[in-house]
Amino acid sequence: MDQHRRSALAAQQVQKRIGFYVHLSVFVLVCAGLAAVNMFATPEVWWAQWPFIGWGVAVIFHGLCAYGRGPNTVAAWQLRKIHQLSRAEPPRPDRSRSKPAAPFAMLLLGVVLGALVAGGYMYLSVLNAREETRQAQQAANASDKTVKQLDAELQEFSKQRADFEATVKETKQQLGQVEASKGETEKRLREVTGQLLQAQAAQKEAERALAEAKKSPPQ
């Protein structure tokens, strides 16, 4: 490998590592922001781990490629292409200066797209969390309303039960009075029956005496 190819490989490796550092920094900042939004906006639903996992896998692969562990075929193709272009036409100063900006532009575009995707996912997650919170609040209000209705019905039933118990108590008192009156009536009936029997016995005795008096001759 000649000096030019080694220099191109070293420059390419440096650009990869710089892009990886920028990518890692953006990943850490955006993930921290998502975690803060999740913690303060929707603490009841934890959703920030999904962007962490998906984006984290991309960061890991980016780091592997930046430190020379990516596919060798891609690196070899890039070196061959650089060697062919360097032999075919000498690099122009303005283009050589603009080429290092291309990876940063691509990285910036990837960050913007990732931020848009993460923002859309976060927005949808927040909407879902708010909708679930609203439904839970409606369910809680309905439950409170049902509990109040049941409480009112229970109080009405308790009042009716108290009225029924009072009626039963009053009825028992009246029944006791009726039982006492019945006892007095039965006692009076026995007395009247005894007097009637005595009167009947006296009547029979008078009839017998009258019959004897009729039978005896006058003197």
C-alpha atoms as a PDB file:
ATOM      1  CA  MET A   1       0.000   0.000   0.000  1.00  0.00           C
ATOM      2  CA  ASP A   2       1.524   3.343  -1.111  1.00  0.00           C
ATOM      3  CA  GLN A   3       1.635   6.540   0.895  1.00  0.00           C
ATOM      4  CA  HIS A   4      -1.317   8.087  -0.919  1.00  0.00           C
ATOM      5  CA  ARG A   5      -3.589   5.128  -0.209  1.00  0.00           C
ATOM      6  CA  ARG A   6      -2.553   5.033   3.448  1.00  0.00           C
ATOM      7  CA  SER A   7      -3.244   8.760   3.754  1.00  0.00           C
ATOM      8  CA  ALA A   8      -6.667   8.343   2.147  1.00  0.00           C
ATOM      9  CA  LEU A   9      -7.486   5.433   4.463  1.00  0.00           C
ATOM     10  CA  ALA A  10      -6.374   7.421   7.511  1.00  0.00           C
ATOM     11  CA  ALA A  11      -8.422  10.465   6.442  1.00  0.00           C
ATOM     12  CA  GLN A  12     -11.431   8.265   5.854  1.00  0.00           C
ATOM     13  CA  GLN A  13     -11.035   6.624   9.258  1.00  0.00           C
ATOM     14  CA  VAL A  14     -10.754  10.015  10.954  1.00  0.00           C
ATOM     15  CA  GLN A  15     -13.907  11.236   9.211  1.00  0.00           C
ATOM     16  CA  LYS A  16     -15.739   8.100  10.314  1.00  0.00           C
ATOM     17  CA  ARG A  17     -14.688   8.576  13.918  1.00  0.00           C
ATOM     18  CA  ILE A  18     -15.624  12.257  13.903  1.00  0.00           C
ATOM     19  CA  GLY A  19     -19.023  11.350  12.466  1.00  0.00           C
ATOM     20  CA  PHE A  20     -19.414   8.688  15.116  1.00  0.00           C
ATOM     21  CA  TYR A  21     -18.578  11.150  17.936  1.00  0.00           C
ATOM     22  CA  VAL A  22     -21.090  13.637  16.577  1.00  0.00           C
ATOM     23  CA  HIS A  23     -23.692  10.899  16.201  1.00  0.00           C
ATOM     24  CA  LEU A  24     -23.061   9.668  19.737  1.00  0.00           C
ATOM     25  CA  SER A  25     -23.322  13.191  21.168  1.00  0.00           C
ATOM     26  CA  VAL A  26     -26.599  13.841  19.373  1.00  0.00           C
ATOM     27  CA  PHE A  27     -27.886  10.438  20.523  1.00  0.00           C
ATOM     28  CA  VAL A  28     -27.095  11.194  24.160  1.00  0.00           C
ATOM     29  CA  LEU A  29     -28.657  14.675  24.030  1.00  0.00           C
ATOM     30  CA  VAL A  30     -31.812  13.581  22.239  1.00  0.00           C
ATOM     31  CA  CYS A  31     -32.283  10.542  24.491  1.00  0.00           C
ATOM     32  CA  ALA A  32     -31.849  12.731  27.563  1.00  0.00           C
ATOM     33  CA  GLY A  33     -34.464  15.131  26.179  1.00  0.00           C
ATOM     34  CA  LEU A  34     -36.877  12.281  25.432  1.00  0.00           C
ATOM     35  CA  ALA A  35     -36.396  10.880  28.928  1.00  0.00           C
ATOM     36  CA  ALA A  36     -37.104  14.306  30.442  1.00  0.00           C
ATOM     37  CA  VAL A  37     -40.225  14.736  28.311  1.00  0.00           C
ATOM     38  CA  ASN A  38     -41.402  11.251  29.251  1.00  0.00           C
ATOM     39  CA  MET A  39     -40.770  11.871  32.932  1.00  0.00           C
ATOM     40  CA  PHE A  40     -42.532  15.238  33.144  1.00  0.00           C
ATOM     41  CA  ALA A  41     -45.209  15.006  30.408  1.00  0.00           C
ATOM     42  CA  THR A  42     -46.448  11.414  30.661  1.00  0.00           C
ATOM     43  CA  PRO A  43     -45.008   9.787  33.786  1.00  0.00           C
ATOM     44  CA  GLU A  44     -47.818   7.217  33.839  1.00  0.00           C
ATOM     45  CA  VAL A  45     -46.669   5.651  30.532  1.00  0.00           C
ATOM     46  CA  TRP A  46     -42.973   4.909  29.953  1.00  0.00           C
ATOM     47  CA  TRP A  47     -42.233   4.944  26.199  1.00  0.00           C
ATOM     48  CA  ALA A  48     -38.751   6.490  25.940  1.00  0.00           C
ATOM     49  CA  GLN A  49     -36.982   3.115  26.001  1.00  0.00           C
ATOM     50  CA  TRP A  50     -38.103   2.259  22.465  1.00  0.00           C
ATOM     51  CA  PRO A  51     -36.287   5.153  20.750  1.00  0.00           C
ATOM     52  CA  PHE A  52     -33.268   4.390  22.968  1.00  0.00           C
ATOM     53  CA  ILE A  53     -33.151   0.781  21.807  1.00  0.00           C
ATOM     54  CA  GLY A  54     -33.719   1.440  18.106  1.00  0.00           C
ATOM     55  CA  TRP A  55     -31.344   4.360  17.841  1.00  0.00           C
ATOM     56  CA  GLY A  56     -28.823   2.708  20.149  1.00  0.00           C
ATOM     57  CA  VAL A  57     -28.459  -0.243  17.759  1.00  0.00           C
ATOM     58  CA  ALA A  58     -27.693   2.215  14.948  1.00  0.00           C
ATOM     59  CA  VAL A  59     -25.097   3.972  17.138  1.00  0.00           C
ATOM     60  CA  ILE A  60     -23.423   0.648  17.947  1.00  0.00           C
ATOM     61  CA  PHE A  61     -23.119  -0.279  14.270  1.00  0.00           C
ATOM     62  CA  HIS A  62     -21.846   3.198  13.500  1.00  0.00           C
ATOM     63  CA  GLY A  63     -19.149   2.791  16.162  1.00  0.00           C
ATOM     64  CA  LEU A  64     -18.127  -0.594  14.785  1.00  0.00           C
ATOM     65  CA  CYS A  65     -17.778   0.878  11.307  1.00  0.00           C
ATOM     66  CA  ALA A  66     -15.918   3.931  12.603  1.00  0.00           C
ATOM     67  CA  TYR A  67     -13.281   1.833  14.360  1.00  0.00           C
ATOM     68  CA  GLY A  68     -12.516  -0.353  11.345  1.00  0.00           C
ATOM     69  CA  ARG A  69     -14.853  -3.267  12.074  1.00  0.00           C
ATOM     70  CA  GLY A  70     -17.273  -2.619   9.270  1.00  0.00           C
ATOM     71  CA  PRO A  71     -17.508  -4.598   6.031  1.00  0.00           C
ATOM     72  CA  ASN A  72     -14.103  -4.835   4.326  1.00  0.00           C
ATOM     73  CA  THR A  73     -15.661  -4.860   0.859  1.00  0.00           C
ATOM     74  CA  VAL A  74     -16.978  -1.336   1.321  1.00  0.00           C
ATOM     75  CA  ALA A  75     -13.636  -0.029   2.549  1.00  0.00           C
ATOM     76  CA  ALA A  76     -11.775  -1.740  -0.293  1.00  0.00           C
ATOM     77  CA  TRP A  77     -14.199  -0.321  -2.855  1.00  0.00           C
ATOM     78  CA  GLN A  78     -13.797   3.161  -1.418  1.00  0.00           C
ATOM     79  CA  LEU A  79      -9.993   2.896  -1.592  1.00  0.00           C
ATOM     80  CA  ARG A  80     -10.098   1.672  -5.185  1.00  0.00           C
ATOM     81  CA  LYS A  81     -12.434   4.450  -6.156  1.00  0.00           C
ATOM     82  CA  ILE A  82     -10.261   7.092  -4.494  1.00  0.00           C
ATOM     83  CA  HIS A  83      -7.174   5.661  -6.204  1.00  0.00           C
ATOM     84  CA  GLN A  84      -8.901   5.662  -9.606  1.00  0.00           C
ATOM     85  CA  LEU A  85     -10.156   9.200  -9.255  1.00  0.00           C
ATOM     86  CA  SER A  86      -6.811  10.453  -7.973  1.00  0.00           C
ATOM     87  CA  ARG A  87      -5.041   8.929 -10.990  1.00  0.00           C
ATOM     88  CA  ALA A  88      -7.634  10.016 -13.536  1.00  0.00           C
ATOM     89  CA  GLU A  89      -7.851  13.669 -12.533  1.00  0.00           C
ATOM     90  CA  PRO A  90      -6.004  15.660  -9.924  1.00  0.00           C
ATOM     91  CA  PRO A  91      -8.309  16.807  -7.133  1.00  0.00           C
ATOM     92  CA  ARG A  92      -9.448  20.390  -7.255  1.00  0.00           C
ATOM     93  CA  PRO A  93      -8.965  22.490  -4.133  1.00  0.00           C
ATOM     94  CA  ASP A  94     -12.576  23.563  -3.900  1.00  0.00           C
ATOM     95  CA  ARG A  95     -13.926  20.023  -4.334  1.00  0.00           C
ATOM     96  CA  SER A  96     -11.470  18.561  -1.890  1.00  0.00           C
ATOM     97  CA  ARG A  97     -12.588  21.082   0.653  1.00  0.00           C
ATOM     98  CA  SER A  98     -16.223  20.365  -0.015  1.00  0.00           C
ATOM     99  CA  LYS A  99     -15.884  16.578   0.185  1.00  0.00           C
ATOM    100  CA  PRO A 100     -15.248  16.455   3.953  1.00  0.00           C
ATOM    101  CA  ALA A 101     -18.487  18.377   4.427  1.00  0.00           C
ATOM    102  CA  ALA A 102     -20.487  15.663   2.663  1.00  0.00           C
ATOM    103  CA  PRO A 103     -20.365  13.166   5.565  1.00  0.00           C
ATOM    104  CA  PHE A 104     -21.432  15.917   7.945  1.00  0.00           C
ATOM    105  CA  ALA A 105     -24.307  16.829   5.643  1.00  0.00           C
ATOM    106  CA  MET A 106     -25.395  13.204   5.464  1.00  0.00           C
ATOM    107  CA  LEU A 107     -25.026  12.881   9.219  1.00  0.00           C
ATOM    108  CA  LEU A 108     -27.015  16.069   9.747  1.00  0.00           C
ATOM    109  CA  LEU A 109     -29.711  14.770   7.427  1.00  0.00           C
ATOM    110  CA  GLY A 110     -29.792  11.473   9.348  1.00  0.00           C
ATOM    111  CA  VAL A 111     -30.039  13.337  12.661  1.00  0.00           C
ATOM    112  CA  VAL A 112     -32.876  15.496  11.345  1.00  0.00           C
ATOM    113  CA  LEU A 113     -34.735  12.455  10.054  1.00  0.00           C
ATOM    114  CA  GLY A 114     -34.145  10.607  13.314  1.00  0.00           C
ATOM    115  CA  ALA A 115     -35.342  13.628  15.277  1.00  0.00           C
ATOM    116  CA  LEU A 116     -38.463  13.860  13.116  1.00  0.00           C
ATOM    117  CA  VAL A 117     -39.190  10.164  13.580  1.00  0.00           C
ATOM    118  CA  ALA A 118     -38.546  10.374  17.309  1.00  0.00           C
ATOM    119  CA  GLY A 119     -40.652  13.524  17.567  1.00  0.00           C
ATOM    120  CA  GLY A 120     -43.527  11.912  15.675  1.00  0.00           C
ATOM    121  CA  TYR A 121     -43.336   8.817  17.842  1.00  0.00           C
ATOM    122  CA  MET A 122     -43.190  10.955  20.972  1.00  0.00           C
ATOM    123  CA  TYR A 123     -46.149  13.036  19.786  1.00  0.00           C
ATOM    124  CA  LEU A 124     -48.219   9.924  19.090  1.00  0.00           C
ATOM    125  CA  SER A 125     -47.198   8.423  22.423  1.00  0.00           C
ATOM    126  CA  VAL A 126     -48.186  11.603  24.251  1.00  0.00           C
ATOM    127  CA  LEU A 127     -51.530  11.661  22.433  1.00  0.00           C
ATOM    128  CA  ASN A 128     -52.143   8.011  23.326  1.00  0.00           C
ATOM    129  CA  ALA A 129     -51.166   8.634  26.928  1.00  0.00           C
ATOM    130  CA  ARG A 130     -53.480  11.639  27.143  1.00  0.00           C
ATOM    131  CA  GLU A 131     -56.316   9.677  25.568  1.00  0.00           C
ATOM    132  CA  GLU A 132     -55.789   6.835  28.035  1.00  0.00           C
ATOM    133  CA  THR A 133     -55.673   9.361  30.885  1.00  0.00           C
ATOM    134  CA  ARG A 134     -58.901  10.972  29.652  1.00  0.00           C
ATOM    135  CA  GLN A 135     -60.615   7.592  29.390  1.00  0.00           C
ATOM    136  CA  ALA A 136     -59.381   6.644  32.849  1.00  0.00           C
ATOM    137  CA  GLN A 137     -60.688   9.953  34.210  1.00  0.00           C
ATOM    138  CA  GLN A 138     -64.061   9.376  32.561  1.00  0.00           C
ATOM    139  CA  ALA A 139     -64.172   5.872  34.004  1.00  0.00           C
ATOM    140  CA  ALA A 140     -63.285   7.266  37.442  1.00  0.00           C
ATOM    141  CA  ASN A 141     -66.015   9.927  37.154  1.00  0.00           C
ATOM    142  CA  ALA A 142     -68.538   7.296  36.079  1.00  0.00           C
ATOM    143  CA  SER A 143     -67.470   5.103  38.979  1.00  0.00           C
ATOM    144  CA  ASP A 144     -67.836   8.023  41.417  1.00  0.00           C
ATOM    145  CA  LYS A 145     -71.281   8.763  40.003  1.00  0.00           C
ATOM    146  CA  THR A 146     -72.290   5.132  40.386  1.00  0.00           C
ATOM    147  CA  VAL A 147     -70.982   5.062  43.945  1.00  0.00           C
ATOM    148  CA  LYS A 148     -72.958   8.215  44.781  1.00  0.00           C
ATOM    149  CA  GLN A 149     -76.113   6.717  43.279  1.00  0.00           C
ATOM    150  CA  LEU A 150     -75.614   3.506  45.239  1.00  0.00           C
ATOM    151  CA  ASP A 151     -75.001   5.532  48.398  1.00  0.00           C
ATOM    152  CA  ALA A 152     -78.209   7.494  47.836  1.00  0.00           C
ATOM    153  CA  GLU A 153     -80.137   4.265  47.216  1.00  0.00           C
ATOM    154  CA  LEU A 154     -78.625   2.747  50.358  1.00  0.00           C
ATOM    155  CA  GLN A 155     -79.660   5.766  52.403  1.00  0.00           C
ATOM    156  CA  GLU A 156     -83.178   5.569  50.950  1.00  0.00           C
ATOM    157  CA  PHE A 157     -83.313   1.860  51.745  1.00  0.00           C
ATOM    158  CA  SER A 158     -82.085   2.526  55.286  1.00  0.00           C
ATOM    159  CA  LYS A 159     -84.801   5.149  55.710  1.00  0.00           C
ATOM    160  CA  GLN A 160     -87.455   2.761  54.420  1.00  0.00           C
ATOM    161  CA  ARG A 161     -86.147   0.059  56.733  1.00  0.00           C
ATOM    162  CA  ALA A 162     -86.323   2.426  59.714  1.00  0.00           C
ATOM    163  CA  ASP A 163     -89.907   3.355  58.779  1.00  0.00           C
ATOM    164  CA  PHE A 164     -90.795  -0.318  58.407  1.00  0.00           C
ATOM    165  CA  GLU A 165     -89.277  -1.157  61.793  1.00  0.00           C
ATOM    166  CA  ALA A 166     -91.204   1.720  63.368  1.00  0.00           C
ATOM    167  CA  THR A 167     -94.401   0.444  61.743  1.00  0.00           C
ATOM    168  CA  VAL A 168     -93.689  -3.087  62.982  1.00  0.00           C
ATOM    169  CA  LYS A 169     -93.088  -1.784  66.488  1.00  0.00           C
ATOM    170  CA  GLU A 170     -96.288   0.212  66.448  1.00  0.00           C
ATOM    171  CA  THR A 171     -98.169  -2.801  65.102  1.00  0.00           C
ATOM    172  CA  LYS A 172     -96.766  -4.943  67.892  1.00  0.00           C
ATOM    173  CA  GLN A 173     -97.924  -2.394  70.451  1.00  0.00           C
ATOM    174  CA  GLN A 174    -101.386  -2.353  68.909  1.00  0.00           C
ATOM    175  CA  LEU A 175    -101.384  -6.163  68.852  1.00  0.00           C
ATOM    176  CA  GLY A 176    -100.479  -6.174  72.545  1.00  0.00           C
ATOM    177  CA  GLN A 177    -103.344  -3.817  73.269  1.00  0.00           C
ATOM    178  CA  VAL A 178    -105.672  -6.047  71.263  1.00  0.00           C
ATOM    179  CA  GLU A 179    -104.440  -9.097  73.182  1.00  0.00           C
ATOM    180  CA  ALA A 180    -105.060  -7.290  76.479  1.00  0.00           C
ATOM    181  CA  SER A 181    -108.548  -6.203  75.337  1.00  0.00           C
ATOM    182  CA  LYS A 182    -109.224  -9.779  74.211  1.00  0.00           C
ATOM    183  CA  GLY A 183    -108.299 -11.043  77.670  1.00  0.00           C
ATOM    184  CA  GLU A 184    -110.624  -8.536  79.330  1.00  0.00           C
ATOM    185  CA  THR A 185    -113.381  -9.455  76.921  1.00  0.00           C
ATOM    186  CA  GLU A 186    -112.948 -13.166  77.570  1.00  0.00           C
ATOM    187  CA  LYS A 187    -113.000 -12.539  81.330  1.00  0.00           C
ATOM    188  CA  ARG A 188    -116.177 -10.478  81.015  1.00  0.00           C
ATOM    189  CA  LEU A 189    -117.666 -13.154  78.807  1.00  0.00           C
ATOM    190  CA  ARG A 190    -116.968 -15.798  81.432  1.00  0.00           C
ATOM    191  CA  GLU A 191    -118.581 -13.635  84.110  1.00  0.00           C
ATOM    192  CA  VAL A 192    -121.630 -13.024  81.926  1.00  0.00           C
ATOM    193  CA  THR A 193    -121.806 -16.740  81.101  1.00  0.00           C
ATOM    194  CA  GLY A 194    -121.695 -17.569  84.834  1.00  0.00           C
ATOM    195  CA  GLN A 195    -124.454 -15.069  85.567  1.00  0.00           C
ATOM    196  CA  LEU A 196    -126.498 -16.468  82.696  1.00  0.00           C
ATOM    197  CA  LEU A 197    -126.079 -19.992  84.006  1.00  0.00           C
ATOM    198  CA  GLN A 198    -127.177 -18.846  87.476  1.00  0.00           C
ATOM    199  CA  ALA A 199    -130.157 -17.061  85.961  1.00  0.00           C
ATOM    200  CA  GLN A 200    -131.077 -20.200  84.008  1.00  0.00           C
ATOM    201  CA  ALA A 201    -130.730 -22.307  87.137  1.00  0.00           C
ATOM    202  CA  ALA A 202    -132.914 -19.863  89.086  1.00  0.00           C
ATOM    203  CA  GLN A 203    -135.440 -19.873  86.276  1.00  0.00           C
ATOM    204  CA  LYS A 204    -135.589 -23.659  86.313  1.00  0.00           C
ATOM    205  CA  GLU A 205    -135.965 -23.654  90.078  1.00  0.00           C
ATOM    206  CA  ALA A 206    -138.810 -21.158  89.820  1.00  0.00           C
ATOM    207  CA  GLU A 207    -140.527 -23.190  87.127  1.00  0.00           C
ATOM    208  CA  ARG A 208    -140.191 -26.339  89.227  1.00  0.00           C
ATOM    209  CA  ALA A 209    -141.619 -24.577  92.247  1.00  0.00           C
ATOM    210  CA  LEU A 210    -144.475 -23.205  90.177  1.00  0.00           C
ATOM    211  CA  ALA A 211    -145.224 -26.658  88.809  1.00  0.00           C
ATOM    212  CA  GLU A 212    -145.304 -28.127  92.321  1.00  0.00           C
ATOM    213  CA  ALA A 213    -147.532 -25.319  93.434  1.00  0.00           C
ATOM    214  CA  LYS A 214    -149.959 -26.083  90.639  1.00  0.00           C
ATOM    215  CA  LYS A 215    -150.029 -29.770  91.499  1.00  0.00           C
ATOM    216  CA  SER A 216    -150.787 -29.339  95.232  1.00  0.00           C
ATOM    217  CA  PRO A 217    -154.596 -28.879  95.968  1.00  0.00           C
ATOM    218  CA  PRO A 218    -155.687 -25.717  97.605  1.00  0.00           C
ATOM    219  CA  GLN A 219    -156.814 -26.031 101.284  1.00  0.00           C
END
